[in-house]
mmCIF file of all heavy atoms, coordinates in Angstrom:
data_MODEL
# 
_entry.id   MODEL 
# 
loop_
_atom_site.group_PDB 
_atom_site.id 
_atom_site.type_symbol 
_atom_site.label_atom_id 
_atom_site.label_alt_id 
_atom_site.label_comp_id 
_atom_site.label_asym_id 
_atom_site.label_entity_id 
_atom_site.label_seq_id 
_atom_site.pdbx_PDB_ins_code 
_atom_site.Cartn_x 
_atom_site.Cartn_y 
_atom_site.Cartn_z 
_atom_site.occupancy 
_atom_site.B_iso_or_equiv 
_atom_site.pdbx_formal_charge 
_atom_site.auth_seq_id 
_atom_site.auth_comp_id 
_atom_site.auth_asym_id 
_atom_site.auth_atom_id 
_atom_site.pdbx_PDB_model_num 
ATOM 1   N N   . PHE A 1 1  ? 22.612 -87.407  -30.194 1.00 0.00 ? 1  PHE A N   1 
ATOM 2   C CA  . PHE A 1 1  ? 21.747 -87.825  -29.300 1.00 0.00 ? 1  PHE A CA  1 
ATOM 3   C C   . PHE A 1 1  ? 21.382 -89.344  -29.272 1.00 0.00 ? 1  PHE A C   1 
ATOM 4   O O   . PHE A 1 1  ? 20.863 -89.827  -28.465 1.00 0.00 ? 1  PHE A O   1 
ATOM 5   C CB  . PHE A 1 1  ? 20.290 -87.040  -29.331 1.00 0.00 ? 1  PHE A CB  1 
ATOM 6   C CG  . PHE A 1 1  ? 19.757 -86.962  -30.722 1.00 0.00 ? 1  PHE A CG  1 
ATOM 7   C CD1 . PHE A 1 1  ? 18.735 -87.940  -31.152 1.00 0.00 ? 1  PHE A CD1 1 
ATOM 8   C CD2 . PHE A 1 1  ? 20.123 -85.962  -31.651 1.00 0.00 ? 1  PHE A CD2 1 
ATOM 9   C CE1 . PHE A 1 1  ? 18.250 -88.010  -32.419 1.00 0.00 ? 1  PHE A CE1 1 
ATOM 10  C CE2 . PHE A 1 1  ? 19.489 -85.900  -32.885 1.00 0.00 ? 1  PHE A CE2 1 
ATOM 11  C CZ  . PHE A 1 1  ? 18.672 -86.967  -33.329 1.00 0.00 ? 1  PHE A CZ  1 
ATOM 12  N N   . TYR A 1 2  ? 21.701 -89.974  -30.471 1.00 0.00 ? 2  TYR A N   1 
ATOM 13  C CA  . TYR A 1 2  ? 21.538 -91.460  -30.511 1.00 0.00 ? 2  TYR A CA  1 
ATOM 14  C C   . TYR A 1 2  ? 22.454 -91.955  -31.682 1.00 0.00 ? 2  TYR A C   1 
ATOM 15  O O   . TYR A 1 2  ? 22.948 -91.349  -32.493 1.00 0.00 ? 2  TYR A O   1 
ATOM 16  C CB  . TYR A 1 2  ? 20.143 -91.874  -30.715 1.00 0.00 ? 2  TYR A CB  1 
ATOM 17  C CG  . TYR A 1 2  ? 19.637 -92.016  -32.222 1.00 0.00 ? 2  TYR A CG  1 
ATOM 18  C CD1 . TYR A 1 2  ? 19.654 -93.289  -32.796 1.00 0.00 ? 2  TYR A CD1 1 
ATOM 19  C CD2 . TYR A 1 2  ? 19.316 -90.840  -32.949 1.00 0.00 ? 2  TYR A CD2 1 
ATOM 20  C CE1 . TYR A 1 2  ? 19.159 -93.361  -34.085 1.00 0.00 ? 2  TYR A CE1 1 
ATOM 21  C CE2 . TYR A 1 2  ? 18.995 -91.074  -34.253 1.00 0.00 ? 2  TYR A CE2 1 
ATOM 22  C CZ  . TYR A 1 2  ? 18.858 -92.199  -34.830 1.00 0.00 ? 2  TYR A CZ  1 
ATOM 23  O OH  . TYR A 1 2  ? 18.401 -92.390  -36.167 1.00 0.00 ? 2  TYR A OH  1 
ATOM 24  N N   . VAL A 1 3  ? 22.789 -93.293  -31.434 1.00 0.00 ? 3  VAL A N   1 
ATOM 25  C CA  . VAL A 1 3  ? 23.567 -93.948  -32.491 1.00 0.00 ? 3  VAL A CA  1 
ATOM 26  C C   . VAL A 1 3  ? 22.939 -95.229  -32.776 1.00 0.00 ? 3  VAL A C   1 
ATOM 27  O O   . VAL A 1 3  ? 22.311 -95.945  -32.077 1.00 0.00 ? 3  VAL A O   1 
ATOM 28  C CB  . VAL A 1 3  ? 24.971 -94.249  -31.826 1.00 0.00 ? 3  VAL A CB  1 
ATOM 29  C CG1 . VAL A 1 3  ? 25.062 -95.041  -30.632 1.00 0.00 ? 3  VAL A CG1 1 
ATOM 30  C CG2 . VAL A 1 3  ? 26.068 -94.848  -32.872 1.00 0.00 ? 3  VAL A CG2 1 
ATOM 31  N N   . ASN A 1 4  ? 23.040 -95.478  -34.135 1.00 0.00 ? 4  ASN A N   1 
ATOM 32  C CA  . ASN A 1 4  ? 22.534 -96.845  -34.720 1.00 0.00 ? 4  ASN A CA  1 
ATOM 33  C C   . ASN A 1 4  ? 23.763 -97.926  -34.610 1.00 0.00 ? 4  ASN A C   1 
ATOM 34  O O   . ASN A 1 4  ? 24.772 -97.776  -35.266 1.00 0.00 ? 4  ASN A O   1 
ATOM 35  C CB  . ASN A 1 4  ? 22.154 -96.831  -36.198 1.00 0.00 ? 4  ASN A CB  1 
ATOM 36  C CG  . ASN A 1 4  ? 20.997 -95.897  -36.365 1.00 0.00 ? 4  ASN A CG  1 
ATOM 37  O OD1 . ASN A 1 4  ? 19.885 -96.072  -35.893 1.00 0.00 ? 4  ASN A OD1 1 
ATOM 38  N ND2 . ASN A 1 4  ? 21.285 -94.730  -37.016 1.00 0.00 ? 4  ASN A ND2 1 
ATOM 39  N N   . ILE A 1 5  ? 23.638 -98.869  -33.786 1.00 0.00 ? 5  ILE A N   1 
ATOM 40  C CA  . ILE A 1 5  ? 24.689 -99.840  -33.610 1.00 0.00 ? 5  ILE A CA  1 
ATOM 41  C C   . ILE A 1 5  ? 24.336 -101.090 -34.348 1.00 0.00 ? 5  ILE A C   1 
ATOM 42  O O   . ILE A 1 5  ? 23.194 -101.574 -34.341 1.00 0.00 ? 5  ILE A O   1 
ATOM 43  C CB  . ILE A 1 5  ? 24.870 -100.232 -32.130 1.00 0.00 ? 5  ILE A CB  1 
ATOM 44  C CG1 . ILE A 1 5  ? 25.433 -98.878  -31.380 1.00 0.00 ? 5  ILE A CG1 1 
ATOM 45  C CG2 . ILE A 1 5  ? 25.748 -101.354 -31.951 1.00 0.00 ? 5  ILE A CG2 1 
ATOM 46  C CD1 . ILE A 1 5  ? 25.863 -99.214  -29.925 1.00 0.00 ? 5  ILE A CD1 1 
ATOM 47  N N   . GLY A 1 6  ? 25.200 -101.577 -35.232 1.00 0.00 ? 6  GLY A N   1 
ATOM 48  C CA  . GLY A 1 6  ? 25.003 -102.773 -36.019 1.00 0.00 ? 6  GLY A CA  1 
ATOM 49  C C   . GLY A 1 6  ? 26.357 -103.528 -36.057 1.00 0.00 ? 6  GLY A C   1 
ATOM 50  O O   . GLY A 1 6  ? 27.260 -103.528 -35.253 1.00 0.00 ? 6  GLY A O   1 
ATOM 51  N N   . GLY A 1 7  ? 26.511 -104.228 -37.207 1.00 0.00 ? 7  GLY A N   1 
ATOM 52  C CA  . GLY A 1 7  ? 27.627 -105.132 -37.435 1.00 0.00 ? 7  GLY A CA  1 
ATOM 53  C C   . GLY A 1 7  ? 27.668 -105.650 -38.828 1.00 0.00 ? 7  GLY A C   1 
ATOM 54  O O   . GLY A 1 7  ? 27.165 -105.037 -39.746 1.00 0.00 ? 7  GLY A O   1 
ATOM 55  N N   . GLY A 1 8  ? 28.063 -106.936 -38.926 1.00 0.00 ? 8  GLY A N   1 
ATOM 56  C CA  . GLY A 1 8  ? 28.042 -108.074 -37.929 1.00 0.00 ? 8  GLY A CA  1 
ATOM 57  C C   . GLY A 1 8  ? 26.734 -108.157 -37.085 1.00 0.00 ? 8  GLY A C   1 
ATOM 58  O O   . GLY A 1 8  ? 25.802 -107.421 -37.225 1.00 0.00 ? 8  GLY A O   1 
ATOM 59  N N   . GLU A 1 9  ? 26.917 -108.891 -36.121 1.00 0.00 ? 9  GLU A N   1 
ATOM 60  C CA  . GLU A 1 9  ? 25.958 -109.113 -35.071 1.00 0.00 ? 9  GLU A CA  1 
ATOM 61  C C   . GLU A 1 9  ? 26.518 -108.542 -33.756 1.00 0.00 ? 9  GLU A C   1 
ATOM 62  O O   . GLU A 1 9  ? 27.309 -109.126 -33.144 1.00 0.00 ? 9  GLU A O   1 
ATOM 63  C CB  . GLU A 1 9  ? 25.621 -110.635 -34.849 1.00 0.00 ? 9  GLU A CB  1 
ATOM 64  C CG  . GLU A 1 9  ? 24.724 -110.918 -33.601 1.00 0.00 ? 9  GLU A CG  1 
ATOM 65  C CD  . GLU A 1 9  ? 23.423 -110.082 -33.602 1.00 0.00 ? 9  GLU A CD  1 
ATOM 66  O OE1 . GLU A 1 9  ? 22.820 -109.869 -34.681 1.00 0.00 ? 9  GLU A OE1 1 
ATOM 67  O OE2 . GLU A 1 9  ? 23.113 -109.550 -32.534 1.00 0.00 ? 9  GLU A OE2 1 
ATOM 68  N N   . PRO A 1 10 ? 25.968 -107.354 -33.460 1.00 0.00 ? 10 PRO A N   1 
ATOM 69  C CA  . PRO A 1 10 ? 26.678 -106.600 -32.332 1.00 0.00 ? 10 PRO A CA  1 
ATOM 70  C C   . PRO A 1 10 ? 26.585 -107.277 -30.995 1.00 0.00 ? 10 PRO A C   1 
ATOM 71  O O   . PRO A 1 10 ? 27.541 -107.071 -30.173 1.00 0.00 ? 10 PRO A O   1 
ATOM 72  C CB  . PRO A 1 10 ? 26.092 -105.183 -32.318 1.00 0.00 ? 10 PRO A CB  1 
ATOM 73  C CG  . PRO A 1 10 ? 24.632 -105.470 -33.037 1.00 0.00 ? 10 PRO A CG  1 
ATOM 74  C CD  . PRO A 1 10 ? 24.947 -106.570 -34.014 1.00 0.00 ? 10 PRO A CD  1 
ATOM 75  N N   . THR A 1 11 ? 25.542 -108.132 -30.718 1.00 0.00 ? 11 THR A N   1 
ATOM 76  C CA  . THR A 1 11 ? 25.324 -108.681 -29.461 1.00 0.00 ? 11 THR A CA  1 
ATOM 77  C C   . THR A 1 11 ? 26.302 -109.796 -29.123 1.00 0.00 ? 11 THR A C   1 
ATOM 78  O O   . THR A 1 11 ? 26.331 -110.225 -27.973 1.00 0.00 ? 11 THR A O   1 
ATOM 79  C CB  . THR A 1 11 ? 23.977 -109.213 -29.249 1.00 0.00 ? 11 THR A CB  1 
ATOM 80  O OG1 . THR A 1 11 ? 23.688 -110.355 -30.150 1.00 0.00 ? 11 THR A OG1 1 
ATOM 81  C CG2 . THR A 1 11 ? 22.844 -108.218 -29.501 1.00 0.00 ? 11 THR A CG2 1 
ATOM 82  N N   . VAL A 1 12 ? 27.134 -110.216 -30.176 1.00 0.00 ? 12 VAL A N   1 
ATOM 83  C CA  . VAL A 1 12 ? 28.118 -111.211 -29.842 1.00 0.00 ? 12 VAL A CA  1 
ATOM 84  C C   . VAL A 1 12 ? 29.406 -110.658 -29.285 1.00 0.00 ? 12 VAL A C   1 
ATOM 85  O O   . VAL A 1 12 ? 30.444 -111.437 -28.906 1.00 0.00 ? 12 VAL A O   1 
ATOM 86  C CB  . VAL A 1 12 ? 28.454 -112.235 -31.115 1.00 0.00 ? 12 VAL A CB  1 
ATOM 87  C CG1 . VAL A 1 12 ? 27.215 -112.758 -31.570 1.00 0.00 ? 12 VAL A CG1 1 
ATOM 88  C CG2 . VAL A 1 12 ? 29.152 -111.482 -32.157 1.00 0.00 ? 12 VAL A CG2 1 
ATOM 89  N N   . ARG A 1 13 ? 29.521 -109.301 -29.326 1.00 0.00 ? 13 ARG A N   1 
ATOM 90  C CA  . ARG A 1 13 ? 30.676 -108.812 -28.690 1.00 0.00 ? 13 ARG A CA  1 
ATOM 91  C C   . ARG A 1 13 ? 30.518 -108.873 -27.195 1.00 0.00 ? 13 ARG A C   1 
ATOM 92  O O   . ARG A 1 13 ? 29.523 -108.579 -26.578 1.00 0.00 ? 13 ARG A O   1 
ATOM 93  C CB  . ARG A 1 13 ? 30.772 -107.146 -28.936 1.00 0.00 ? 13 ARG A CB  1 
ATOM 94  C CG  . ARG A 1 13 ? 31.745 -106.888 -29.974 1.00 0.00 ? 13 ARG A CG  1 
ATOM 95  C CD  . ARG A 1 13 ? 32.115 -105.418 -30.015 1.00 0.00 ? 13 ARG A CD  1 
ATOM 96  N NE  . ARG A 1 13 ? 32.892 -104.925 -28.953 1.00 0.00 ? 13 ARG A NE  1 
ATOM 97  C CZ  . ARG A 1 13 ? 33.913 -104.047 -29.113 1.00 0.00 ? 13 ARG A CZ  1 
ATOM 98  N NH1 . ARG A 1 13 ? 34.381 -103.751 -30.288 1.00 0.00 ? 13 ARG A NH1 1 
ATOM 99  N NH2 . ARG A 1 13 ? 34.601 -103.682 -27.967 1.00 0.00 ? 13 ARG A NH2 1 
ATOM 100 N N   . PRO A 1 14 ? 31.588 -109.426 -26.476 1.00 0.00 ? 14 PRO A N   1 
ATOM 101 C CA  . PRO A 1 14 ? 31.413 -109.674 -25.049 1.00 0.00 ? 14 PRO A CA  1 
ATOM 102 C C   . PRO A 1 14 ? 31.075 -108.402 -24.152 1.00 0.00 ? 14 PRO A C   1 
ATOM 103 O O   . PRO A 1 14 ? 30.466 -108.638 -23.057 1.00 0.00 ? 14 PRO A O   1 
ATOM 104 C CB  . PRO A 1 14 ? 32.753 -110.279 -24.689 1.00 0.00 ? 14 PRO A CB  1 
ATOM 105 C CG  . PRO A 1 14 ? 33.363 -110.835 -25.905 1.00 0.00 ? 14 PRO A CG  1 
ATOM 106 C CD  . PRO A 1 14 ? 32.886 -109.871 -26.943 1.00 0.00 ? 14 PRO A CD  1 
ATOM 107 N N   . ASP A 1 15 ? 31.537 -107.349 -24.731 1.00 0.00 ? 15 ASP A N   1 
ATOM 108 C CA  . ASP A 1 15 ? 31.242 -106.132 -23.818 1.00 0.00 ? 15 ASP A CA  1 
ATOM 109 C C   . ASP A 1 15 ? 29.961 -105.260 -24.442 1.00 0.00 ? 15 ASP A C   1 
ATOM 110 O O   . ASP A 1 15 ? 29.806 -104.191 -24.086 1.00 0.00 ? 15 ASP A O   1 
ATOM 111 C CB  . ASP A 1 15 ? 32.375 -105.190 -23.891 1.00 0.00 ? 15 ASP A CB  1 
ATOM 112 C CG  . ASP A 1 15 ? 32.895 -104.846 -25.418 1.00 0.00 ? 15 ASP A CG  1 
ATOM 113 O OD1 . ASP A 1 15 ? 32.232 -105.232 -26.299 1.00 0.00 ? 15 ASP A OD1 1 
ATOM 114 O OD2 . ASP A 1 15 ? 33.932 -104.048 -25.503 1.00 0.00 ? 15 ASP A OD2 1 
ATOM 115 N N   . PHE A 1 16 ? 29.228 -105.967 -25.337 1.00 0.00 ? 16 PHE A N   1 
ATOM 116 C CA  . PHE A 1 16 ? 28.109 -105.211 -25.933 1.00 0.00 ? 16 PHE A CA  1 
ATOM 117 C C   . PHE A 1 16 ? 27.219 -104.512 -24.928 1.00 0.00 ? 16 PHE A C   1 
ATOM 118 O O   . PHE A 1 16 ? 26.932 -103.282 -24.965 1.00 0.00 ? 16 PHE A O   1 
ATOM 119 C CB  . PHE A 1 16 ? 27.220 -106.158 -26.850 1.00 0.00 ? 16 PHE A CB  1 
ATOM 120 C CG  . PHE A 1 16 ? 26.063 -105.437 -27.442 1.00 0.00 ? 16 PHE A CG  1 
ATOM 121 C CD1 . PHE A 1 16 ? 26.235 -104.496 -28.390 1.00 0.00 ? 16 PHE A CD1 1 
ATOM 122 C CD2 . PHE A 1 16 ? 24.687 -105.725 -26.987 1.00 0.00 ? 16 PHE A CD2 1 
ATOM 123 C CE1 . PHE A 1 16 ? 25.108 -103.815 -28.960 1.00 0.00 ? 16 PHE A CE1 1 
ATOM 124 C CE2 . PHE A 1 16 ? 23.725 -105.067 -27.407 1.00 0.00 ? 16 PHE A CE2 1 
ATOM 125 C CZ  . PHE A 1 16 ? 23.890 -104.180 -28.469 1.00 0.00 ? 16 PHE A CZ  1 
ATOM 126 N N   . TRP A 1 17 ? 26.735 -105.172 -24.019 1.00 0.00 ? 17 TRP A N   1 
ATOM 127 C CA  . TRP A 1 17 ? 25.779 -104.646 -22.952 1.00 0.00 ? 17 TRP A CA  1 
ATOM 128 C C   . TRP A 1 17 ? 26.363 -103.627 -22.070 1.00 0.00 ? 17 TRP A C   1 
ATOM 129 O O   . TRP A 1 17 ? 25.882 -102.630 -21.734 1.00 0.00 ? 17 TRP A O   1 
ATOM 130 C CB  . TRP A 1 17 ? 25.155 -105.813 -22.172 1.00 0.00 ? 17 TRP A CB  1 
ATOM 131 C CG  . TRP A 1 17 ? 24.456 -106.813 -22.941 1.00 0.00 ? 17 TRP A CG  1 
ATOM 132 C CD1 . TRP A 1 17 ? 24.965 -108.123 -23.227 1.00 0.00 ? 17 TRP A CD1 1 
ATOM 133 C CD2 . TRP A 1 17 ? 23.328 -106.545 -23.727 1.00 0.00 ? 17 TRP A CD2 1 
ATOM 134 N NE1 . TRP A 1 17 ? 24.199 -108.741 -24.061 1.00 0.00 ? 17 TRP A NE1 1 
ATOM 135 C CE2 . TRP A 1 17 ? 23.071 -107.911 -24.437 1.00 0.00 ? 17 TRP A CE2 1 
ATOM 136 C CE3 . TRP A 1 17 ? 22.374 -105.551 -23.892 1.00 0.00 ? 17 TRP A CE3 1 
ATOM 137 C CZ2 . TRP A 1 17 ? 21.969 -108.106 -25.240 1.00 0.00 ? 17 TRP A CZ2 1 
ATOM 138 C CZ3 . TRP A 1 17 ? 21.283 -105.818 -24.735 1.00 0.00 ? 17 TRP A CZ3 1 
ATOM 139 C CH2 . TRP A 1 17 ? 21.089 -107.067 -25.468 1.00 0.00 ? 17 TRP A CH2 1 
ATOM 140 N N   . GLU A 1 18 ? 27.745 -103.746 -21.761 1.00 0.00 ? 18 GLU A N   1 
ATOM 141 C CA  . GLU A 1 18 ? 28.428 -102.823 -21.068 1.00 0.00 ? 18 GLU A CA  1 
ATOM 142 C C   . GLU A 1 18 ? 28.491 -101.471 -21.797 1.00 0.00 ? 18 GLU A C   1 
ATOM 143 O O   . GLU A 1 18 ? 28.342 -100.363 -21.310 1.00 0.00 ? 18 GLU A O   1 
ATOM 144 C CB  . GLU A 1 18 ? 29.832 -103.266 -20.787 1.00 0.00 ? 18 GLU A CB  1 
ATOM 145 C CG  . GLU A 1 18 ? 30.689 -102.307 -19.989 1.00 0.00 ? 18 GLU A CG  1 
ATOM 146 C CD  . GLU A 1 18 ? 32.159 -102.824 -19.838 1.00 0.00 ? 18 GLU A CD  1 
ATOM 147 O OE1 . GLU A 1 18 ? 32.356 -104.082 -20.056 1.00 0.00 ? 18 GLU A OE1 1 
ATOM 148 O OE2 . GLU A 1 18 ? 32.999 -102.169 -19.277 1.00 0.00 ? 18 GLU A OE2 1 
ATOM 149 N N   . LEU A 1 19 ? 28.617 -101.593 -23.131 1.00 0.00 ? 19 LEU A N   1 
ATOM 150 C CA  . LEU A 1 19 ? 28.812 -100.340 -23.976 1.00 0.00 ? 19 LEU A CA  1 
ATOM 151 C C   . LEU A 1 19 ? 27.393 -99.665  -24.122 1.00 0.00 ? 19 LEU A C   1 
ATOM 152 O O   . LEU A 1 19 ? 27.315 -98.522  -24.074 1.00 0.00 ? 19 LEU A O   1 
ATOM 153 C CB  . LEU A 1 19 ? 29.372 -100.659 -25.267 1.00 0.00 ? 19 LEU A CB  1 
ATOM 154 C CG  . LEU A 1 19 ? 30.806 -101.207 -25.320 1.00 0.00 ? 19 LEU A CG  1 
ATOM 155 C CD1 . LEU A 1 19 ? 31.325 -101.508 -26.698 1.00 0.00 ? 19 LEU A CD1 1 
ATOM 156 C CD2 . LEU A 1 19 ? 31.746 -100.064 -24.916 1.00 0.00 ? 19 LEU A CD2 1 
ATOM 157 N N   . VAL A 1 20 ? 26.417 -100.510 -24.337 1.00 0.00 ? 20 VAL A N   1 
ATOM 158 C CA  . VAL A 1 20 ? 25.136 -99.908  -24.345 1.00 0.00 ? 20 VAL A CA  1 
ATOM 159 C C   . VAL A 1 20 ? 24.693 -99.206  -22.971 1.00 0.00 ? 20 VAL A C   1 
ATOM 160 O O   . VAL A 1 20 ? 24.209 -98.131  -23.068 1.00 0.00 ? 20 VAL A O   1 
ATOM 161 C CB  . VAL A 1 20 ? 23.957 -101.089 -24.536 1.00 0.00 ? 20 VAL A CB  1 
ATOM 162 C CG1 . VAL A 1 20 ? 22.527 -100.592 -24.397 1.00 0.00 ? 20 VAL A CG1 1 
ATOM 163 C CG2 . VAL A 1 20 ? 24.100 -101.628 -25.987 1.00 0.00 ? 20 VAL A CG2 1 
ATOM 164 N N   . ASP A 1 21 ? 25.045 -99.799  -21.858 1.00 0.00 ? 21 ASP A N   1 
ATOM 165 C CA  . ASP A 1 21 ? 24.790 -99.159  -20.560 1.00 0.00 ? 21 ASP A CA  1 
ATOM 166 C C   . ASP A 1 21 ? 25.569 -97.803  -20.589 1.00 0.00 ? 21 ASP A C   1 
ATOM 167 O O   . ASP A 1 21 ? 25.145 -96.736  -20.022 1.00 0.00 ? 21 ASP A O   1 
ATOM 168 C CB  . ASP A 1 21 ? 25.149 -100.071 -19.502 1.00 0.00 ? 21 ASP A CB  1 
ATOM 169 C CG  . ASP A 1 21 ? 24.119 -101.214 -19.249 1.00 0.00 ? 21 ASP A CG  1 
ATOM 170 O OD1 . ASP A 1 21 ? 22.971 -101.066 -19.833 1.00 0.00 ? 21 ASP A OD1 1 
ATOM 171 O OD2 . ASP A 1 21 ? 24.364 -102.124 -18.567 1.00 0.00 ? 21 ASP A OD2 1 
ATOM 172 N N   . TYR A 1 22 ? 26.840 -97.932  -20.959 1.00 0.00 ? 22 TYR A N   1 
ATOM 173 C CA  . TYR A 1 22 ? 27.737 -96.644  -20.912 1.00 0.00 ? 22 TYR A CA  1 
ATOM 174 C C   . TYR A 1 22 ? 27.082 -95.527  -21.794 1.00 0.00 ? 22 TYR A C   1 
ATOM 175 O O   . TYR A 1 22 ? 27.200 -94.467  -21.396 1.00 0.00 ? 22 TYR A O   1 
ATOM 176 C CB  . TYR A 1 22 ? 29.209 -97.000  -21.292 1.00 0.00 ? 22 TYR A CB  1 
ATOM 177 C CG  . TYR A 1 22 ? 30.223 -96.007  -20.992 1.00 0.00 ? 22 TYR A CG  1 
ATOM 178 C CD1 . TYR A 1 22 ? 30.742 -95.924  -19.751 1.00 0.00 ? 22 TYR A CD1 1 
ATOM 179 C CD2 . TYR A 1 22 ? 30.500 -95.077  -21.944 1.00 0.00 ? 22 TYR A CD2 1 
ATOM 180 C CE1 . TYR A 1 22 ? 31.718 -94.931  -19.588 1.00 0.00 ? 22 TYR A CE1 1 
ATOM 181 C CE2 . TYR A 1 22 ? 31.455 -94.113  -21.834 1.00 0.00 ? 22 TYR A CE2 1 
ATOM 182 C CZ  . TYR A 1 22 ? 31.974 -93.992  -20.603 1.00 0.00 ? 22 TYR A CZ  1 
ATOM 183 O OH  . TYR A 1 22 ? 32.968 -92.944  -20.266 1.00 0.00 ? 22 TYR A OH  1 
ATOM 184 N N   . ALA A 1 23 ? 26.805 -95.939  -22.949 1.00 0.00 ? 23 ALA A N   1 
ATOM 185 C CA  . ALA A 1 23 ? 26.131 -94.899  -23.841 1.00 0.00 ? 23 ALA A CA  1 
ATOM 186 C C   . ALA A 1 23 ? 24.926 -94.233  -23.243 1.00 0.00 ? 23 ALA A C   1 
ATOM 187 O O   . ALA A 1 23 ? 24.894 -92.997  -23.273 1.00 0.00 ? 23 ALA A O   1 
ATOM 188 C CB  . ALA A 1 23 ? 25.846 -95.575  -25.114 1.00 0.00 ? 23 ALA A CB  1 
ATOM 189 N N   . THR A 1 24 ? 23.945 -94.996  -22.747 1.00 0.00 ? 24 THR A N   1 
ATOM 190 C CA  . THR A 1 24 ? 22.772 -94.394  -22.260 1.00 0.00 ? 24 THR A CA  1 
ATOM 191 C C   . THR A 1 24 ? 22.971 -93.626  -21.001 1.00 0.00 ? 24 THR A C   1 
ATOM 192 O O   . THR A 1 24 ? 22.416 -92.525  -20.752 1.00 0.00 ? 24 THR A O   1 
ATOM 193 C CB  . THR A 1 24 ? 21.741 -95.504  -21.941 1.00 0.00 ? 24 THR A CB  1 
ATOM 194 O OG1 . THR A 1 24 ? 22.189 -96.445  -21.087 1.00 0.00 ? 24 THR A OG1 1 
ATOM 195 C CG2 . THR A 1 24 ? 21.365 -96.110  -23.223 1.00 0.00 ? 24 THR A CG2 1 
ATOM 196 N N   . GLU A 1 25 ? 24.067 -94.043  -20.206 1.00 0.00 ? 25 GLU A N   1 
ATOM 197 C CA  . GLU A 1 25 ? 24.403 -93.238  -18.910 1.00 0.00 ? 25 GLU A CA  1 
ATOM 198 C C   . GLU A 1 25 ? 25.025 -91.904  -19.331 1.00 0.00 ? 25 GLU A C   1 
ATOM 199 O O   . GLU A 1 25 ? 25.103 -91.056  -18.562 1.00 0.00 ? 25 GLU A O   1 
ATOM 200 C CB  . GLU A 1 25 ? 25.282 -94.144  -18.140 1.00 0.00 ? 25 GLU A CB  1 
ATOM 201 C CG  . GLU A 1 25 ? 24.707 -95.160  -17.455 1.00 0.00 ? 25 GLU A CG  1 
ATOM 202 C CD  . GLU A 1 25 ? 25.707 -96.224  -16.916 1.00 0.00 ? 25 GLU A CD  1 
ATOM 203 O OE1 . GLU A 1 25 ? 27.005 -95.933  -17.037 1.00 0.00 ? 25 GLU A OE1 1 
ATOM 204 O OE2 . GLU A 1 25 ? 25.292 -97.212  -16.326 1.00 0.00 ? 25 GLU A OE2 1 
# 
């Protein structure tokens, strides 16, 4: 039901927000 995303600094991945949107969808 949820995942903890980290890194590194995850927001520096160019597709980070795309993946966040895909997960919540």
